Amino acid sequence: MAEKGKSKTDVAARAESKNRVNRCSFCGNKVDVVLSVSPTGKKKMKRICCEG
């Protein structure tokens, strides 16, 4: 049987990747990700930043 004391995931690595902030390659500001829905009902994830 498997040992109960060990975790299969690296919790520290997961926390670090979750807290990492994506930066824009043009202006260096934080990139916000929003969900936009078109009039036809299609959903799309958009990255909002410097609008450039």
N, C-alpha and C. Protein backbone atom coordinates (compact mmCIF):
# COMPACT_ATOMS: atom_id res chain seq x y z
N MET A 1 0.83 -1.20 0.00
CA MET A 1 0.00 0.00 0.00
C MET A 1 0.87 1.26 0.00
N ALA A 2 0.29 2.35 -0.43
CA ALA A 2 1.00 3.62 -0.48
C ALA A 2 1.14 4.22 0.92
N GLU A 3 2.21 4.96 1.10
CA GLU A 3 2.41 5.62 2.39
C GLU A 3 1.47 6.81 2.52
N LYS A 4 0.89 7.01 3.68
CA LYS A 4 -0.06 8.10 3.88
C LYS A 4 0.61 9.42 4.19
N GLY A 5 1.88 9.41 4.64
CA GLY A 5 2.55 10.63 5.07
C GLY A 5 3.07 11.51 3.94
N LYS A 6 3.20 10.96 2.74
CA LYS A 6 3.79 11.71 1.64
C LYS A 6 2.72 12.28 0.72
N SER A 7 2.98 13.49 0.25
CA SER A 7 2.09 14.14 -0.71
C SER A 7 2.66 13.96 -2.11
N LYS A 8 1.81 13.75 -3.08
CA LYS A 8 2.27 13.57 -4.46
C LYS A 8 2.56 14.91 -5.13
N THR A 9 2.00 16.00 -4.61
CA THR A 9 2.20 17.30 -5.23
C THR A 9 3.17 18.14 -4.43
N ASP A 10 3.87 19.02 -5.12
CA ASP A 10 4.79 19.95 -4.47
C ASP A 10 3.99 21.21 -4.15
N VAL A 11 3.55 21.33 -2.91
CA VAL A 11 2.66 22.41 -2.50
C VAL A 11 3.34 23.77 -2.64
N ALA A 12 4.62 23.85 -2.32
CA ALA A 12 5.34 25.11 -2.42
C ALA A 12 5.42 25.59 -3.87
N ALA A 13 5.66 24.68 -4.79
CA ALA A 13 5.74 25.05 -6.21
C ALA A 13 4.38 25.50 -6.73
N ARG A 14 3.32 24.85 -6.28
CA ARG A 14 1.99 25.26 -6.72
C ARG A 14 1.64 26.64 -6.19
N ALA A 15 1.99 26.93 -4.95
CA ALA A 15 1.72 28.24 -4.36
C ALA A 15 2.51 29.34 -5.07
N GLU A 16 3.75 29.04 -5.43
CA GLU A 16 4.57 30.02 -6.13
C GLU A 16 4.00 30.34 -7.51
N SER A 17 3.58 29.33 -8.26
CA SER A 17 3.04 29.57 -9.59
C SER A 17 1.70 30.30 -9.52
N LYS A 18 0.94 30.07 -8.46
CA LYS A 18 -0.34 30.76 -8.30
C LYS A 18 -0.14 32.23 -7.97
N ASN A 19 0.90 32.54 -7.21
CA ASN A 19 1.16 33.92 -6.80
C ASN A 19 1.96 34.71 -7.82
N ARG A 20 2.48 34.05 -8.83
CA ARG A 20 3.26 34.74 -9.86
C ARG A 20 2.35 35.64 -10.68
N VAL A 21 2.81 36.86 -10.96
CA VAL A 21 2.00 37.84 -11.70
C VAL A 21 2.50 37.90 -13.13
N ASN A 22 1.56 37.81 -14.08
CA ASN A 22 1.93 37.95 -15.49
C ASN A 22 2.12 39.43 -15.81
N ARG A 23 3.21 39.75 -16.51
CA ARG A 23 3.52 41.13 -16.87
C ARG A 23 3.44 41.28 -18.39
N CYS A 24 3.00 42.46 -18.82
CA CYS A 24 2.90 42.77 -20.25
C CYS A 24 4.30 42.90 -20.83
N SER A 25 4.51 42.39 -22.02
CA SER A 25 5.83 42.49 -22.65
C SER A 25 6.08 43.87 -23.22
N PHE A 26 5.02 44.69 -23.38
CA PHE A 26 5.18 46.04 -23.94
C PHE A 26 5.38 47.09 -22.85
N CYS A 27 4.47 47.14 -21.87
CA CYS A 27 4.52 48.21 -20.86
C CYS A 27 4.99 47.73 -19.50
N GLY A 28 4.96 46.43 -19.22
CA GLY A 28 5.43 45.92 -17.95
C GLY A 28 4.38 45.91 -16.85
N ASN A 29 3.16 46.35 -17.16
CA ASN A 29 2.09 46.35 -16.17
C ASN A 29 1.49 44.96 -16.02
N LYS A 30 0.71 44.77 -14.95
CA LYS A 30 0.03 43.50 -14.71
C LYS A 30 -1.02 43.26 -15.79
N VAL A 31 -1.13 42.04 -16.26
CA VAL A 31 -2.10 41.66 -17.28
C VAL A 31 -3.33 41.09 -16.58
N ASP A 32 -4.51 41.66 -16.86
CA ASP A 32 -5.76 41.16 -16.31
C ASP A 32 -6.42 40.26 -17.34
N VAL A 33 -6.93 39.12 -16.90
CA VAL A 33 -7.63 38.20 -17.79
C VAL A 33 -9.11 38.27 -17.47
N VAL A 34 -9.93 38.55 -18.50
CA VAL A 34 -11.37 38.67 -18.32
C VAL A 34 -12.08 37.75 -19.30
N LEU A 35 -13.28 37.36 -18.94
CA LEU A 35 -14.11 36.52 -19.80
C LEU A 35 -15.08 37.42 -20.54
N SER A 36 -15.04 37.40 -21.88
CA SER A 36 -15.97 38.20 -22.67
C SER A 36 -16.90 37.26 -23.42
N VAL A 37 -18.15 37.68 -23.53
CA VAL A 37 -19.16 36.89 -24.23
C VAL A 37 -19.64 37.68 -25.43
N SER A 38 -19.55 37.10 -26.62
CA SER A 38 -19.99 37.77 -27.84
C SER A 38 -21.52 37.73 -27.92
N PRO A 39 -22.11 38.56 -28.78
CA PRO A 39 -23.58 38.54 -28.94
C PRO A 39 -24.14 37.19 -29.38
N THR A 40 -23.32 36.37 -30.02
CA THR A 40 -23.76 35.05 -30.45
C THR A 40 -23.67 34.02 -29.33
N GLY A 41 -23.09 34.42 -28.19
CA GLY A 41 -23.00 33.52 -27.04
C GLY A 41 -21.68 32.81 -26.90
N LYS A 42 -20.71 33.11 -27.77
CA LYS A 42 -19.40 32.47 -27.68
C LYS A 42 -18.56 33.14 -26.60
N LYS A 43 -17.95 32.33 -25.74
CA LYS A 43 -17.13 32.85 -24.65
C LYS A 43 -15.67 32.84 -25.05
N LYS A 44 -14.94 33.88 -24.61
CA LYS A 44 -13.52 34.00 -24.94
C LYS A 44 -12.80 34.69 -23.80
N MET A 45 -11.61 34.16 -23.46
CA MET A 45 -10.79 34.78 -22.43
C MET A 45 -9.93 35.86 -23.12
N LYS A 46 -9.96 37.09 -22.57
CA LYS A 46 -9.18 38.18 -23.14
C LYS A 46 -8.18 38.67 -22.10
N ARG A 47 -7.02 39.06 -22.57
CA ARG A 47 -5.98 39.64 -21.73
C ARG A 47 -5.98 41.14 -21.92
N ILE A 48 -6.30 41.86 -20.84
CA ILE A 48 -6.40 43.31 -20.91
C ILE A 48 -5.14 43.91 -20.29
N CYS A 49 -4.55 44.87 -20.98
CA CYS A 49 -3.39 45.55 -20.42
C CYS A 49 -3.32 46.97 -20.96
N CYS A 50 -2.39 47.23 -21.85
CA CYS A 50 -2.15 48.59 -22.35
C CYS A 50 -2.99 48.89 -23.59
N GLU A 51 -3.85 47.98 -24.00
CA GLU A 51 -4.72 48.17 -25.17
C GLU A 51 -3.92 48.54 -26.41
N GLY A 52 -2.71 47.97 -26.53
CA GLY A 52 -1.84 48.38 -27.62
C GLY A 52 -1.67 47.42 -28.69
